[in-house]
Amino acid sequence: MAKSIKKVSNELNVGDDIIEGLVNVLAFSHGDRCNVRVHMPSASNVREIRKTLRMSRERFAKVYGFDPELLRDWEQGRRCPDQIAQAYLKVIAKMPKEVATVLYA
């Protein structure tokens, strides 16, 4: 029984971590640097993230809420993700299952 309580507690902590990260992303996008280091994915990183997750462009777009044509433009270097999209991609790269769970909860 202690293991199941610990598991639930850990799952709640993951949710809290995601929420805290998203709050920091919003603060950063509004100019508050909040002592964070930000890596901005390049167009090739977008493709790498998607390929690492073994998802088609259409599936990745559907699961994470992107326009498939916009993803194509990012991947082909015609456009670059804005700062908010870049931060979101970084979160997806680090915690893909957790992001999908939060989006569909």
C-alpha atoms as a PDB file:
ATOM      1  CA  MET A   1       0.000   0.000   0.000  1.00  0.00           C
ATOM      2  CA  ALA A   2       2.845   2.393   0.734  1.00  0.00           C
ATOM      3  CA  LYS A   3       4.126   1.922  -2.812  1.00  0.00           C
ATOM      4  CA  SER A   4       0.798   2.927  -4.357  1.00  0.00           C
ATOM      5  CA  ILE A   5       0.619   6.057  -2.183  1.00  0.00           C
ATOM      6  CA  LYS A   6       4.176   6.944  -3.160  1.00  0.00           C
ATOM      7  CA  LYS A   7       3.356   6.388  -6.843  1.00  0.00           C
ATOM      8  CA  VAL A   8       0.321   8.694  -6.673  1.00  0.00           C
ATOM      9  CA  SER A   9       2.400  11.271  -4.806  1.00  0.00           C
ATOM     10  CA  ASN A  10       5.113  11.135  -7.488  1.00  0.00           C
ATOM     11  CA  GLU A  11       2.507  11.506 -10.242  1.00  0.00           C
ATOM     12  CA  LEU A  12       1.117  14.602  -8.527  1.00  0.00           C
ATOM     13  CA  ASN A  13       4.633  16.018  -8.254  1.00  0.00           C
ATOM     14  CA  VAL A  14       5.144  15.526 -11.995  1.00  0.00           C
ATOM     15  CA  GLY A  15       1.943  17.473 -12.663  1.00  0.00           C
ATOM     16  CA  ASP A  16       3.086  20.236 -10.321  1.00  0.00           C
ATOM     17  CA  ASP A  17       6.465  20.315 -12.097  1.00  0.00           C
ATOM     18  CA  ILE A  18       4.773  20.656 -15.485  1.00  0.00           C
ATOM     19  CA  ILE A  19       2.541  23.467 -14.224  1.00  0.00           C
ATOM     20  CA  GLU A  20       5.524  25.252 -12.674  1.00  0.00           C
ATOM     21  CA  GLY A  21       7.433  24.897 -15.945  1.00  0.00           C
ATOM     22  CA  LEU A  22       4.540  26.294 -17.960  1.00  0.00           C
ATOM     23  CA  VAL A  23       4.211  29.235 -15.550  1.00  0.00           C
ATOM     24  CA  ASN A  24       7.923  29.922 -16.065  1.00  0.00           C
ATOM     25  CA  VAL A  25       7.472  29.682 -19.854  1.00  0.00           C
ATOM     26  CA  LEU A  26       4.704  32.293 -19.709  1.00  0.00           C
ATOM     27  CA  ALA A  27       6.773  34.557 -17.453  1.00  0.00           C
ATOM     28  CA  PHE A  28       9.739  34.228 -19.806  1.00  0.00           C
ATOM     29  CA  SER A  29       7.573  35.030 -22.832  1.00  0.00           C
ATOM     30  CA  HIS A  30       6.503  38.246 -21.090  1.00  0.00           C
ATOM     31  CA  GLY A  31      10.093  39.336 -20.512  1.00  0.00           C
ATOM     32  CA  ASP A  32      10.717  37.953 -17.017  1.00  0.00           C
ATOM     33  CA  ARG A  33      13.984  36.043 -17.312  1.00  0.00           C
ATOM     34  CA  CYS A  34      13.298  34.296 -13.936  1.00  0.00           C
ATOM     35  CA  ASN A  35      16.834  32.883 -13.740  1.00  0.00           C
ATOM     36  CA  VAL A  36      16.250  30.259 -16.412  1.00  0.00           C
ATOM     37  CA  ARG A  37      18.487  29.048 -19.159  1.00  0.00           C
ATOM     38  CA  VAL A  38      16.631  28.581 -22.421  1.00  0.00           C
ATOM     39  CA  HIS A  39      17.624  26.437 -25.365  1.00  0.00           C
ATOM     40  CA  MET A  40      15.757  27.462 -28.489  1.00  0.00           C
ATOM     41  CA  PRO A  41      15.231  24.483 -30.795  1.00  0.00           C
ATOM     42  CA  SER A  42      16.271  25.046 -34.370  1.00  0.00           C
ATOM     43  CA  ALA A  43      14.182  23.837 -37.305  1.00  0.00           C
ATOM     44  CA  SER A  44      16.183  20.607 -37.376  1.00  0.00           C
ATOM     45  CA  ASN A  45      15.466  20.074 -33.679  1.00  0.00           C
ATOM     46  CA  VAL A  46      11.743  20.098 -34.397  1.00  0.00           C
ATOM     47  CA  ARG A  47      12.181  17.164 -36.769  1.00  0.00           C
ATOM     48  CA  GLU A  48      14.531  15.408 -34.331  1.00  0.00           C
ATOM     49  CA  ILE A  49      12.030  15.733 -31.485  1.00  0.00           C
ATOM     50  CA  ARG A  50       9.260  14.314 -33.662  1.00  0.00           C
ATOM     51  CA  LYS A  51      11.433  11.503 -35.030  1.00  0.00           C
ATOM     52  CA  THR A  52      12.674  10.603 -31.546  1.00  0.00           C
ATOM     53  CA  LEU A  53       9.040  10.159 -30.530  1.00  0.00           C
ATOM     54  CA  ARG A  54       8.489   8.032 -33.662  1.00  0.00           C
ATOM     55  CA  MET A  55       5.539  10.145 -34.747  1.00  0.00           C
ATOM     56  CA  SER A  56       4.406  11.275 -38.151  1.00  0.00           C
ATOM     57  CA  ARG A  57       4.101  14.993 -38.649  1.00  0.00           C
ATOM     58  CA  GLU A  58       0.305  14.681 -38.629  1.00  0.00           C
ATOM     59  CA  ARG A  59       0.253  12.624 -35.411  1.00  0.00           C
ATOM     60  CA  PHE A  60       2.705  14.945 -33.631  1.00  0.00           C
ATOM     61  CA  ALA A  61       0.612  17.939 -34.679  1.00  0.00           C
ATOM     62  CA  LYS A  62      -2.612  16.338 -33.455  1.00  0.00           C
ATOM     63  CA  VAL A  63      -1.232  15.153 -30.102  1.00  0.00           C
ATOM     64  CA  TYR A  64       0.541  18.423 -29.222  1.00  0.00           C
ATOM     65  CA  GLY A  65      -1.790  20.936 -30.895  1.00  0.00           C
ATOM     66  CA  PHE A  66       0.283  22.175 -33.820  1.00  0.00           C
ATOM     67  CA  ASP A  67      -0.766  22.946 -37.378  1.00  0.00           C
ATOM     68  CA  PRO A  68       0.836  20.203 -39.565  1.00  0.00           C
ATOM     69  CA  GLU A  69       1.691  22.745 -42.283  1.00  0.00           C
ATOM     70  CA  LEU A  70       3.441  24.953 -39.730  1.00  0.00           C
ATOM     71  CA  LEU A  71       5.472  21.956 -38.530  1.00  0.00           C
ATOM     72  CA  ARG A  72       6.461  21.240 -42.123  1.00  0.00           C
ATOM     73  CA  ASP A  73       7.565  24.861 -42.577  1.00  0.00           C
ATOM     74  CA  TRP A  74       9.641  24.684 -39.380  1.00  0.00           C
ATOM     75  CA  GLU A  75      11.218  21.391 -40.372  1.00  0.00           C
ATOM     76  CA  GLN A  76      12.056  22.616 -43.865  1.00  0.00           C
ATOM     77  CA  GLY A  77      13.493  25.897 -42.590  1.00  0.00           C
ATOM     78  CA  ARG A  78      10.901  28.144 -44.226  1.00  0.00           C
ATOM     79  CA  ARG A  79       9.804  29.470 -40.831  1.00  0.00           C
ATOM     80  CA  CYS A  80      11.119  29.319 -37.268  1.00  0.00           C
ATOM     81  CA  PRO A  81       9.122  28.608 -34.118  1.00  0.00           C
ATOM     82  CA  ASP A  82       8.472  31.712 -32.015  1.00  0.00           C
ATOM     83  CA  GLN A  83       9.751  31.819 -28.431  1.00  0.00           C
ATOM     84  CA  ILE A  84       6.620  30.311 -26.910  1.00  0.00           C
ATOM     85  CA  ALA A  85       6.561  27.455 -29.435  1.00  0.00           C
ATOM     86  CA  GLN A  86      10.279  26.875 -28.878  1.00  0.00           C
ATOM     87  CA  ALA A  87       9.774  26.626 -25.126  1.00  0.00           C
ATOM     88  CA  TYR A  88       6.807  24.287 -25.632  1.00  0.00           C
ATOM     89  CA  LEU A  89       8.897  22.085 -27.938  1.00  0.00           C
ATOM     90  CA  LYS A  90      11.593  21.933 -25.275  1.00  0.00           C
ATOM     91  CA  VAL A  91       9.037  20.715 -22.715  1.00  0.00           C
ATOM     92  CA  ILE A  92       7.706  18.136 -25.203  1.00  0.00           C
ATOM     93  CA  ALA A  93      11.251  16.894 -25.854  1.00  0.00           C
ATOM     94  CA  LYS A  94      11.892  16.376 -22.134  1.00  0.00           C
ATOM     95  CA  MET A  95       8.455  15.127 -21.012  1.00  0.00           C
ATOM     96  CA  PRO A  96       6.392  13.993 -24.019  1.00  0.00           C
ATOM     97  CA  LYS A  97       4.102  11.564 -22.195  1.00  0.00           C
ATOM     98  CA  GLU A  98       3.440  13.973 -19.353  1.00  0.00           C
ATOM     99  CA  VAL A  99       2.575  16.822 -21.741  1.00  0.00           C
ATOM    100  CA  ALA A 100       0.152  14.597 -23.670  1.00  0.00           C
ATOM    101  CA  THR A 101      -1.414  13.445 -20.387  1.00  0.00           C
ATOM    102  CA  VAL A 102      -1.924  17.013 -19.200  1.00  0.00           C
ATOM    103  CA  LEU A 103      -3.386  18.073 -22.550  1.00  0.00           C
ATOM    104  CA  TYR A 104      -5.915  15.259 -22.574  1.00  0.00           C
ATOM    105  CA  ALA A 105      -6.748  15.110 -18.846  1.00  0.00           C
END
